[in-house]
Amino acid sequence: MSRKPPDYELWLEATKTVKPLRARSRGPGAKLSGVPLPSKKPLKLPSTPHLHVPSPLHKPPPQITGLDRRTTQRLTRGQVEIERRFDLHGTGVEMARVNLLGFLRDAQAMGARNVLVITGKGDSPYSRHTLHGAGHFHAPERAGRLRRLVTEWFHEAEFRSLVAGFQPAHPKHGGGGAYYVRIRRIREER
């Protein structure tokens, strides 16, 4: 006894409404028959919603634009003066965020420009030291939780007003387990 699949009747019903395509000639000068030409009427686009424009009194914090070429080179070579250091080892995620924000605010208030934030490399079996290079920041084995979260925090509004840019540290300053952070200057209102 042959058993039909459960969707067999549905398949039969669907195939009743299908019409076969017309045969086309396959020569080099063949016309496409049965293919509708595009209409010459312009497409009507759906109306776009009104965008919210913030008032000039509430300016959004500046974006992290990165570092200029010269600063990046100096940081990559480890030729930068570290003005302050902050170590997040052994800190829980919630307290690490609060403490880091406080540290960066203090550093900005004191006029510091280059600080070192030490996150650690995490507990993965691959958290060994690798040579500093362009691809090591995104290496999949560098999966420490704080290391990943700190970079996400730097893009939040509270941190963007403090952080001008960041990049992984040179091996002599912690390599894959630390970041150089460039602090924004405080702009005086005129």
N, C-alpha and C. Protein backbone atom coordinates (compact mmCIF):
# COMPACT_ATOMS: atom_id res chain seq x y z
N MET A 1 0.85 -1.18 0.00
CA MET A 1 0.00 0.00 0.00
C MET A 1 0.90 1.24 0.00
N SER A 2 0.68 2.12 -0.98
CA SER A 2 1.50 3.33 -1.03
C SER A 2 0.79 4.45 -0.27
N ARG A 3 1.57 5.13 0.49
CA ARG A 3 1.01 6.19 1.30
C ARG A 3 1.38 7.53 0.69
N LYS A 4 0.43 8.46 0.57
CA LYS A 4 0.68 9.77 -0.01
C LYS A 4 1.18 10.71 1.09
N PRO A 5 2.10 11.63 0.71
CA PRO A 5 2.56 12.61 1.70
C PRO A 5 1.39 13.49 2.15
N PRO A 6 1.49 14.07 3.36
CA PRO A 6 0.36 14.84 3.90
C PRO A 6 0.00 16.07 3.06
N ASP A 7 0.92 16.63 2.32
CA ASP A 7 0.63 17.84 1.53
C ASP A 7 0.32 17.52 0.07
N TYR A 8 0.10 16.28 -0.26
CA TYR A 8 -0.11 15.88 -1.64
C TYR A 8 -1.35 16.54 -2.25
N GLU A 9 -2.46 16.56 -1.52
CA GLU A 9 -3.67 17.18 -2.02
C GLU A 9 -3.48 18.68 -2.23
N LEU A 10 -2.76 19.32 -1.33
CA LEU A 10 -2.47 20.74 -1.46
C LEU A 10 -1.62 21.00 -2.71
N TRP A 11 -0.67 20.12 -2.98
CA TRP A 11 0.17 20.23 -4.17
C TRP A 11 -0.67 20.09 -5.45
N LEU A 12 -1.56 19.12 -5.46
CA LEU A 12 -2.42 18.94 -6.63
C LEU A 12 -3.28 20.17 -6.87
N GLU A 13 -3.81 20.75 -5.83
CA GLU A 13 -4.65 21.94 -5.95
C GLU A 13 -3.84 23.12 -6.50
N ALA A 14 -2.61 23.28 -6.04
CA ALA A 14 -1.77 24.39 -6.49
C ALA A 14 -1.35 24.22 -7.94
N THR A 15 -1.11 23.01 -8.38
CA THR A 15 -0.64 22.79 -9.75
C THR A 15 -1.76 22.96 -10.77
N LYS A 16 -3.01 22.96 -10.36
CA LYS A 16 -4.12 23.16 -11.29
C LYS A 16 -4.13 24.58 -11.87
N THR A 17 -3.62 25.55 -11.12
CA THR A 17 -3.66 26.95 -11.55
C THR A 17 -2.39 27.39 -12.26
N VAL A 18 -1.41 26.53 -12.40
CA VAL A 18 -0.13 26.90 -13.01
C VAL A 18 -0.22 26.72 -14.51
N LYS A 19 0.23 27.75 -15.27
CA LYS A 19 0.27 27.66 -16.73
C LYS A 19 1.72 27.54 -17.16
N PRO A 20 2.02 26.68 -18.12
CA PRO A 20 3.41 26.54 -18.55
C PRO A 20 3.87 27.77 -19.33
N LEU A 21 5.19 28.03 -19.27
CA LEU A 21 5.77 29.14 -20.02
C LEU A 21 5.79 28.79 -21.50
N ARG A 22 5.69 29.84 -22.33
CA ARG A 22 5.80 29.60 -23.76
C ARG A 22 7.24 29.26 -24.11
N ALA A 23 7.41 28.45 -25.12
CA ALA A 23 8.76 28.08 -25.54
C ALA A 23 9.41 29.28 -26.20
N ARG A 24 10.70 29.48 -25.97
CA ARG A 24 11.45 30.59 -26.55
C ARG A 24 12.51 30.03 -27.48
N SER A 25 12.80 30.80 -28.51
CA SER A 25 13.90 30.37 -29.37
C SER A 25 15.20 30.78 -28.68
N ARG A 26 16.23 30.03 -28.84
CA ARG A 26 17.47 30.29 -28.11
C ARG A 26 18.60 30.79 -29.01
N GLY A 27 18.30 31.28 -30.18
CA GLY A 27 19.32 31.79 -31.09
C GLY A 27 19.88 33.12 -30.60
N PRO A 28 21.00 33.58 -31.21
CA PRO A 28 21.62 34.82 -30.75
C PRO A 28 20.75 36.05 -30.96
N GLY A 29 19.93 36.09 -31.97
CA GLY A 29 19.07 37.26 -32.22
C GLY A 29 17.65 37.03 -31.74
N ALA A 30 17.45 36.10 -30.83
CA ALA A 30 16.10 35.73 -30.41
C ALA A 30 15.47 36.83 -29.57
N LYS A 31 14.15 37.05 -29.77
CA LYS A 31 13.41 38.00 -28.96
C LYS A 31 12.91 37.27 -27.72
N LEU A 32 12.73 38.02 -26.70
CA LEU A 32 12.12 37.44 -25.51
C LEU A 32 10.61 37.52 -25.68
N SER A 33 9.99 36.40 -25.81
CA SER A 33 8.53 36.41 -25.95
C SER A 33 7.93 36.02 -24.61
N GLY A 34 6.84 36.62 -24.30
CA GLY A 34 6.16 36.29 -23.05
C GLY A 34 6.70 37.06 -21.86
N VAL A 35 7.71 37.90 -22.08
CA VAL A 35 8.26 38.68 -20.96
C VAL A 35 7.68 40.07 -21.05
N PRO A 36 6.96 40.51 -20.04
CA PRO A 36 6.35 41.84 -20.11
C PRO A 36 7.42 42.93 -20.03
N LEU A 37 7.22 43.98 -20.82
CA LEU A 37 8.13 45.11 -20.77
C LEU A 37 7.80 45.97 -19.57
N PRO A 38 8.80 46.63 -19.01
CA PRO A 38 8.51 47.47 -17.85
C PRO A 38 7.65 48.66 -18.26
N SER A 39 6.76 49.06 -17.38
CA SER A 39 5.88 50.19 -17.70
C SER A 39 6.68 51.48 -17.64
N LYS A 40 6.22 52.48 -18.37
CA LYS A 40 6.92 53.76 -18.41
C LYS A 40 6.39 54.71 -17.35
N LYS A 41 5.38 54.29 -16.61
CA LYS A 41 4.84 55.13 -15.54
C LYS A 41 5.80 55.07 -14.35
N PRO A 42 6.08 56.21 -13.72
CA PRO A 42 6.96 56.18 -12.56
C PRO A 42 6.29 55.47 -11.38
N LEU A 43 7.10 54.82 -10.60
CA LEU A 43 6.58 54.13 -9.43
C LEU A 43 6.19 55.14 -8.38
N LYS A 44 5.11 54.90 -7.70
CA LYS A 44 4.69 55.77 -6.62
C LYS A 44 5.30 55.24 -5.33
N LEU A 45 6.13 56.06 -4.73
CA LEU A 45 6.78 55.65 -3.49
C LEU A 45 5.89 55.96 -2.32
N PRO A 46 5.97 55.14 -1.28
CA PRO A 46 5.16 55.43 -0.10
C PRO A 46 5.66 56.72 0.56
N SER A 47 4.75 57.41 1.22
CA SER A 47 5.15 58.65 1.88
C SER A 47 6.09 58.33 3.04
N THR A 48 7.08 59.18 3.23
CA THR A 48 8.03 58.97 4.31
C THR A 48 7.53 59.64 5.57
N PRO A 49 7.77 59.02 6.72
CA PRO A 49 7.34 59.65 7.97
C PRO A 49 8.20 60.90 8.24
N HIS A 50 7.65 61.80 8.99
CA HIS A 50 8.40 63.00 9.34
C HIS A 50 9.53 62.63 10.29
N LEU A 51 10.70 63.16 10.03
CA LEU A 51 11.85 62.87 10.87
C LEU A 51 11.90 63.85 12.03
N HIS A 52 12.30 63.36 13.18
CA HIS A 52 12.43 64.21 14.35
C HIS A 52 13.74 64.98 14.26
N VAL A 53 13.67 66.28 14.28
CA VAL A 53 14.86 67.12 14.24
C VAL A 53 15.08 67.66 15.64
N PRO A 54 16.23 67.32 16.27
CA PRO A 54 16.46 67.79 17.63
C PRO A 54 16.63 69.30 17.66
N SER A 55 16.22 69.90 18.75
CA SER A 55 16.37 71.35 18.89
C SER A 55 17.84 71.68 19.11
N PRO A 56 18.26 72.91 18.74
CA PRO A 56 19.66 73.27 18.91
C PRO A 56 20.09 73.35 20.38
N LEU A 57 19.12 73.43 21.31
CA LEU A 57 19.47 73.48 22.73
C LEU A 57 19.98 72.15 23.24
N HIS A 58 19.52 71.05 22.64
CA HIS A 58 19.90 69.72 23.07
C HIS A 58 20.73 69.06 21.98
N LYS A 59 21.99 69.42 21.88
CA LYS A 59 22.85 68.85 20.85
C LYS A 59 23.21 67.41 21.23
N PRO A 60 23.18 66.50 20.27
CA PRO A 60 23.61 65.14 20.58
C PRO A 60 25.12 65.14 20.81
N PRO A 61 25.60 64.19 21.61
CA PRO A 61 27.05 64.14 21.82
C PRO A 61 27.78 63.85 20.52
N PRO A 62 29.00 64.32 20.39
CA PRO A 62 29.72 64.09 19.13
C PRO A 62 30.01 62.62 18.91
N GLN A 63 30.15 62.24 17.66
CA GLN A 63 30.47 60.86 17.30
C GLN A 63 31.94 60.58 17.58
N ILE A 64 32.25 59.31 17.81
CA ILE A 64 33.65 58.91 17.92
C ILE A 64 34.17 58.83 16.50
N THR A 65 35.02 59.76 16.16
CA THR A 65 35.49 59.86 14.79
C THR A 65 36.77 59.09 14.57
N GLY A 66 37.34 58.59 15.62
CA GLY A 66 38.61 57.90 15.47
C GLY A 66 39.75 58.85 15.75
N LEU A 67 40.91 58.40 15.47
CA LEU A 67 42.10 59.17 15.77
C LEU A 67 42.78 59.60 14.48
N ASP A 68 43.47 60.72 14.55
CA ASP A 68 44.19 61.15 13.35
C ASP A 68 45.36 60.20 13.09
N ARG A 69 45.90 60.26 11.88
CA ARG A 69 46.92 59.30 11.45
C ARG A 69 48.16 59.33 12.34
N ARG A 70 48.63 60.50 12.68
CA ARG A 70 49.85 60.62 13.49
C ARG A 70 49.65 60.04 14.89
N THR A 71 48.52 60.34 15.50
CA THR A 71 48.23 59.80 16.83
C THR A 71 48.11 58.29 16.78
N THR A 72 47.44 57.77 15.75
CA THR A 72 47.30 56.33 15.59
C THR A 72 48.66 55.66 15.46
N GLN A 73 49.56 56.25 14.67
CA GLN A 73 50.90 55.69 14.52
C GLN A 73 51.65 55.67 15.85
N ARG A 74 51.57 56.76 16.57
CA ARG A 74 52.27 56.83 17.86
C ARG A 74 51.71 55.81 18.84
N LEU A 75 50.39 55.64 18.86
CA LEU A 75 49.78 54.67 19.76
C LEU A 75 50.15 53.25 19.36
N THR A 76 50.12 52.96 18.06
CA THR A 76 50.45 51.63 17.57
C THR A 76 51.89 51.25 17.92
N ARG A 77 52.77 52.22 17.89
CA ARG A 77 54.18 51.96 18.22
C ARG A 77 54.45 52.01 19.72
N GLY A 78 53.46 52.36 20.52
CA GLY A 78 53.66 52.44 21.97
C GLY A 78 54.45 53.68 22.37
N GLN A 79 54.46 54.70 21.52
CA GLN A 79 55.22 55.91 21.77
C GLN A 79 54.32 57.03 22.29
N VAL A 80 53.49 56.72 23.21
CA VAL A 80 52.56 57.71 23.74
C VAL A 80 52.71 57.78 25.25
N GLU A 81 52.55 58.97 25.78
CA GLU A 81 52.62 59.14 27.23
C GLU A 81 51.24 58.84 27.81
N ILE A 82 51.19 57.86 28.67
CA ILE A 82 49.94 57.49 29.33
C ILE A 82 49.81 58.39 30.56
N GLU A 83 48.77 59.19 30.59
CA GLU A 83 48.60 60.13 31.69
C GLU A 83 47.89 59.51 32.89
N ARG A 84 46.99 58.57 32.62
CA ARG A 84 46.29 57.87 33.71
C ARG A 84 45.98 56.46 33.26
N ARG A 85 45.85 55.55 34.22
CA ARG A 85 45.53 54.14 33.95
C ARG A 85 44.32 53.75 34.79
N PHE A 86 43.53 52.83 34.22
CA PHE A 86 42.37 52.33 34.94
C PHE A 86 42.26 50.84 34.66
N ASP A 87 42.26 50.04 35.72
CA ASP A 87 42.25 48.58 35.60
C ASP A 87 40.87 48.05 35.98
N LEU A 88 40.25 47.31 35.08
CA LEU A 88 38.92 46.74 35.31
C LEU A 88 38.96 45.28 35.74
N HIS A 89 40.15 44.71 35.94
CA HIS A 89 40.25 43.30 36.37
C HIS A 89 39.44 43.06 37.63
N GLY A 90 38.68 41.98 37.64
CA GLY A 90 37.96 41.58 38.84
C GLY A 90 36.72 42.40 39.12
N THR A 91 36.30 43.24 38.20
CA THR A 91 35.13 44.09 38.41
C THR A 91 33.96 43.49 37.65
N GLY A 92 32.79 43.48 38.27
CA GLY A 92 31.58 43.02 37.59
C GLY A 92 31.19 43.98 36.49
N VAL A 93 30.35 43.53 35.58
CA VAL A 93 30.00 44.32 34.41
C VAL A 93 29.32 45.63 34.81
N GLU A 94 28.35 45.59 35.72
CA GLU A 94 27.62 46.79 36.10
C GLU A 94 28.54 47.82 36.75
N MET A 95 29.36 47.36 37.69
CA MET A 95 30.27 48.28 38.38
C MET A 95 31.37 48.75 37.44
N ALA A 96 31.79 47.91 36.51
CA ALA A 96 32.84 48.31 35.57
C ALA A 96 32.37 49.49 34.73
N ARG A 97 31.13 49.46 34.28
CA ARG A 97 30.61 50.56 33.46
C ARG A 97 30.54 51.86 34.26
N VAL A 98 30.01 51.78 35.47
CA VAL A 98 29.88 52.97 36.33
C VAL A 98 31.26 53.53 36.66
N ASN A 99 32.19 52.65 37.05
CA ASN A 99 33.53 53.10 37.43
C ASN A 99 34.29 53.68 36.23
N LEU A 100 34.14 53.06 35.06
CA LEU A 100 34.81 53.55 33.86
C LEU A 100 34.29 54.93 33.48
N LEU A 101 32.99 55.13 33.55
CA LEU A 101 32.42 56.43 33.23
C LEU A 101 32.95 57.50 34.20
N GLY A 102 33.01 57.17 35.49
CA GLY A 102 33.55 58.11 36.48
C GLY A 102 35.02 58.41 36.23
N PHE A 103 35.79 57.38 35.89
CA PHE A 103 37.22 57.57 35.59
C PHE A 103 37.41 58.50 34.40
N LEU A 104 36.65 58.28 33.34
CA LEU A 104 36.79 59.11 32.14
C LEU A 104 36.37 60.55 32.40
N ARG A 105 35.33 60.75 33.21
CA ARG A 105 34.92 62.12 33.57
C ARG A 105 36.01 62.82 34.37
N ASP A 106 36.60 62.10 35.34
CA ASP A 106 37.70 62.68 36.13
C ASP A 106 38.89 63.01 35.25
N ALA A 107 39.23 62.10 34.33
CA ALA A 107 40.37 62.33 33.45
C ALA A 107 40.13 63.56 32.58
N GLN A 108 38.91 63.73 32.08
CA GLN A 108 38.60 64.90 31.26
C GLN A 108 38.68 66.17 32.10
N ALA A 109 38.15 66.13 33.32
CA ALA A 109 38.18 67.30 34.19
C ALA A 109 39.61 67.71 34.55
N MET A 110 40.52 66.73 34.64
CA MET A 110 41.92 67.01 34.98
C MET A 110 42.73 67.40 33.74
N GLY A 111 42.13 67.34 32.57
CA GLY A 111 42.82 67.72 31.35
C GLY A 111 43.66 66.63 30.71
N ALA A 112 43.46 65.39 31.13
CA ALA A 112 44.22 64.28 30.55
C ALA A 112 43.76 64.05 29.12
N ARG A 113 44.68 63.66 28.24
CA ARG A 113 44.33 63.40 26.84
C ARG A 113 44.43 61.93 26.49
N ASN A 114 45.43 61.21 27.01
CA ASN A 114 45.64 59.80 26.68
C ASN A 114 45.62 58.98 27.95
N VAL A 115 44.65 58.06 28.03
CA VAL A 115 44.57 57.18 29.19
C VAL A 115 44.59 55.74 28.71
N LEU A 116 44.91 54.84 29.63
CA LEU A 116 44.94 53.42 29.33
C LEU A 116 43.85 52.74 30.15
N VAL A 117 42.96 52.01 29.48
CA VAL A 117 41.91 51.25 30.16
C VAL A 117 42.26 49.77 29.99
N ILE A 118 42.51 49.10 31.11
CA ILE A 118 42.91 47.69 31.09
C ILE A 118 41.67 46.85 31.36
N THR A 119 41.31 46.02 30.37
CA THR A 119 40.12 45.17 30.49
C THR A 119 40.47 43.73 30.79
N GLY A 120 41.66 43.31 30.44
CA GLY A 120 42.02 41.90 30.51
C GLY A 120 41.60 41.22 29.23
N LYS A 121 42.13 40.05 28.99
CA LYS A 121 41.86 39.34 27.74
C LYS A 121 40.72 38.34 27.87
N GLY A 122 40.26 38.08 29.07
CA GLY A 122 39.21 37.10 29.26
C GLY A 122 39.81 35.75 29.65
N ASP A 123 38.95 34.78 29.92
CA ASP A 123 39.39 33.48 30.39
C ASP A 123 39.45 32.43 29.30
N SER A 124 39.43 32.86 28.05
CA SER A 124 39.44 31.85 26.99
C SER A 124 40.79 31.16 26.94
N PRO A 125 40.83 29.91 26.46
CA PRO A 125 42.11 29.21 26.40
C PRO A 125 43.06 29.83 25.38
N TYR A 126 42.54 30.74 24.54
CA TYR A 126 43.37 31.36 23.51
C TYR A 126 43.79 32.78 23.88
N SER A 127 43.73 33.13 25.16
CA SER A 127 44.03 34.50 25.54
C SER A 127 45.52 34.76 25.67
N ARG A 128 46.30 34.05 24.91
CA ARG A 128 47.74 34.26 24.90
C ARG A 128 48.07 35.58 24.22
N HIS A 129 49.29 36.00 24.33
CA HIS A 129 49.72 37.24 23.70
C HIS A 129 49.97 37.01 22.21
N THR A 130 49.51 37.93 21.38
CA THR A 130 49.82 37.89 19.96
C THR A 130 50.49 39.20 19.60
N LEU A 131 51.21 39.21 18.52
CA LEU A 131 51.85 40.44 18.09
C LEU A 131 50.80 41.47 17.76
N HIS A 132 51.11 42.70 18.05
CA HIS A 132 50.19 43.80 17.79
C HIS A 132 50.13 44.06 16.29
N GLY A 133 48.95 44.08 15.74
CA GLY A 133 48.79 44.33 14.32
C GLY A 133 47.37 44.75 14.01
N ALA A 134 47.12 45.07 12.77
CA ALA A 134 45.81 45.59 12.37
C ALA A 134 44.70 44.57 12.60
N GLY A 135 44.96 43.27 12.42
CA GLY A 135 43.90 42.28 12.53
C GLY A 135 43.70 41.73 13.91
N HIS A 136 44.56 42.05 14.86
CA HIS A 136 44.45 41.38 16.16
C HIS A 136 43.27 41.89 16.97
N PHE A 137 42.78 43.09 16.72
CA PHE A 137 41.65 43.63 17.46
C PHE A 137 40.40 42.79 17.22
N HIS A 138 40.21 42.30 16.01
CA HIS A 138 39.01 41.56 15.66
C HIS A 138 39.20 40.04 15.72
N ALA A 139 40.30 39.58 16.27
CA ALA A 139 40.56 38.14 16.31
C ALA A 139 39.49 37.46 17.15
N PRO A 140 38.91 36.36 16.66
CA PRO A 140 37.79 35.73 17.37
C PRO A 140 38.17 35.17 18.73
N GLU A 141 39.44 34.81 18.94
CA GLU A 141 39.78 34.23 20.24
C GLU A 141 39.82 35.27 21.34
N ARG A 142 39.82 36.53 20.99
CA ARG A 142 39.84 37.59 21.98
C ARG A 142 38.40 37.91 22.40
N ALA A 143 37.84 37.03 23.20
CA ALA A 143 36.41 37.13 23.48
C ALA A 143 36.10 37.46 24.93
N GLY A 144 37.00 38.19 25.62
CA GLY A 144 36.72 38.57 27.00
C GLY A 144 35.47 39.45 27.05
N ARG A 145 34.66 39.22 28.06
CA ARG A 145 33.38 39.93 28.15
C ARG A 145 33.57 41.44 28.33
N LEU A 146 34.40 41.84 29.29
CA LEU A 146 34.63 43.27 29.50
C LEU A 146 35.30 43.90 28.29
N ARG A 147 36.20 43.18 27.68
CA ARG A 147 36.90 43.69 26.50
C ARG A 147 35.91 44.03 25.39
N ARG A 148 34.93 43.18 25.19
CA ARG A 148 33.92 43.40 24.16
C ARG A 148 32.96 44.52 24.57
N LEU A 149 32.52 44.52 25.83
CA LEU A 149 31.54 45.50 26.28
C LEU A 149 32.10 46.92 26.33
N VAL A 150 33.36 47.08 26.70
CA VAL A 150 33.95 48.41 26.80
C VAL A 150 33.88 49.12 25.45
N THR A 151 34.16 48.42 24.37
CA THR A 151 34.08 49.06 23.06
C THR A 151 32.65 49.44 22.70
N GLU A 152 31.69 48.67 23.14
CA GLU A 152 30.29 49.02 22.91
C GLU A 152 29.90 50.24 23.74
N TRP A 153 30.36 50.30 24.98
CA TRP A 153 30.05 51.43 25.84
C TRP A 153 30.60 52.73 25.26
N PHE A 154 31.79 52.69 24.67
CA PHE A 154 32.39 53.90 24.12
C PHE A 154 31.52 54.55 23.06
N HIS A 155 30.62 53.79 22.45
CA HIS A 155 29.75 54.34 21.41
C HIS A 155 28.41 54.83 21.97
N GLU A 156 28.19 54.69 23.26
CA GLU A 156 26.96 55.20 23.88
C GLU A 156 27.09 56.71 24.08
N ALA A 157 25.96 57.39 24.18
CA ALA A 157 25.94 58.86 24.25
C ALA A 157 26.76 59.39 25.43
N GLU A 158 26.64 58.77 26.60
CA GLU A 158 27.38 59.27 27.77
C GLU A 158 28.89 59.23 27.54
N PHE A 159 29.35 58.17 26.92
CA PHE A 159 30.78 58.00 26.69
C PHE A 159 31.28 58.82 25.51
N ARG A 160 30.43 59.01 24.49
CA ARG A 160 30.87 59.76 23.31
C ARG A 160 31.24 61.18 23.64
N SER A 161 30.62 61.75 24.67
CA SER A 161 30.97 63.11 25.05
C SER A 161 32.34 63.18 25.73
N LEU A 162 32.88 62.03 26.11
CA LEU A 162 34.18 61.97 26.79
C LEU A 162 35.28 61.40 25.91
N VAL A 163 34.93 60.45 25.03
CA VAL A 163 35.92 59.69 24.27
C VAL A 163 36.00 60.20 22.83
N ALA A 164 37.20 60.61 22.41
CA ALA A 164 37.41 61.05 21.03
C ALA A 164 37.75 59.86 20.14
N GLY A 165 38.42 58.87 20.69
CA GLY A 165 38.80 57.69 19.93
C GLY A 165 39.46 56.68 20.84
N PHE A 166 39.61 55.46 20.33
CA PHE A 166 40.27 54.41 21.10
C PHE A 166 40.84 53.39 20.15
N GLN A 167 41.81 52.63 20.65
CA GLN A 167 42.38 51.53 19.87
C GLN A 167 43.09 50.59 20.83
N PRO A 168 43.31 49.35 20.41
CA PRO A 168 44.01 48.39 21.28
C PRO A 168 45.42 48.89 21.60
N ALA A 169 45.88 48.52 22.78
CA ALA A 169 47.17 48.99 23.25
C ALA A 169 48.33 48.19 22.65
N HIS A 170 49.50 48.79 22.70
CA HIS A 170 50.75 48.14 22.29
C HIS A 170 51.05 47.04 23.32
N PRO A 171 51.74 45.97 22.92
CA PRO A 171 52.04 44.89 23.87
C PRO A 171 52.72 45.36 25.16
N LYS A 172 53.54 46.40 25.11
CA LYS A 172 54.19 46.85 26.34
C LYS A 172 53.22 47.52 27.31
N HIS A 173 52.02 47.88 26.82
CA HIS A 173 51.00 48.47 27.68
C HIS A 173 49.82 47.53 27.92
N GLY A 174 49.94 46.27 27.55
CA GLY A 174 48.87 45.31 27.80
C GLY A 174 48.33 44.64 26.56
N GLY A 175 48.70 45.12 25.39
CA GLY A 175 48.30 44.47 24.14
C GLY A 175 46.81 44.26 24.03
N GLY A 176 46.42 43.01 23.78
CA GLY A 176 45.02 42.66 23.56
C GLY A 176 44.13 42.82 24.76
N GLY A 177 44.69 43.10 25.92
CA GLY A 177 43.87 43.24 27.12
C GLY A 177 43.73 44.67 27.59
N ALA A 178 44.05 45.64 26.74
CA ALA A 178 43.96 47.05 27.13
C ALA A 178 43.66 47.92 25.92
N TYR A 179 43.17 49.12 26.19
CA TYR A 179 42.86 50.09 25.14
C TYR A 179 43.49 51.43 25.48
N TYR A 180 44.00 52.08 24.46
CA TYR A 180 44.34 53.48 24.57
C TYR A 180 43.05 54.24 24.31
N VAL A 181 42.76 55.22 25.14
CA VAL A 181 41.56 56.03 24.98
C VAL A 181 41.99 57.49 24.91
N ARG A 182 41.56 58.15 23.86
CA ARG A 182 41.84 59.59 23.67
C ARG A 182 40.65 60.34 24.24
N ILE A 183 40.90 61.22 25.21
CA ILE A 183 39.84 61.97 25.89
C ILE A 183 39.57 63.26 25.12
N ARG A 184 38.31 63.62 25.00
CA ARG A 184 37.94 64.89 24.36
C ARG A 184 38.30 66.04 25.28
N ARG A 185 38.69 67.15 24.67
CA ARG A 185 38.94 68.36 25.45
C ARG A 185 37.60 68.96 25.84
N ILE A 186 37.60 69.65 26.97
CA ILE A 186 36.40 70.37 27.39
C ILE A 186 36.37 71.68 26.62
N ARG A 187 35.31 71.90 25.89
CA ARG A 187 35.16 73.12 25.11
C ARG A 187 34.53 74.19 26.00
N GLU A 188 35.14 75.33 26.05
CA GLU A 188 34.61 76.43 26.86
C GLU A 188 33.56 77.17 26.04
N GLU A 189 32.46 77.49 26.71
CA GLU A 189 31.38 78.25 26.06
C GLU A 189 31.81 79.70 25.94
N ARG A 190 31.56 80.28 24.77
CA ARG A 190 31.93 81.70 24.58
C ARG A 190 30.72 82.55 24.47
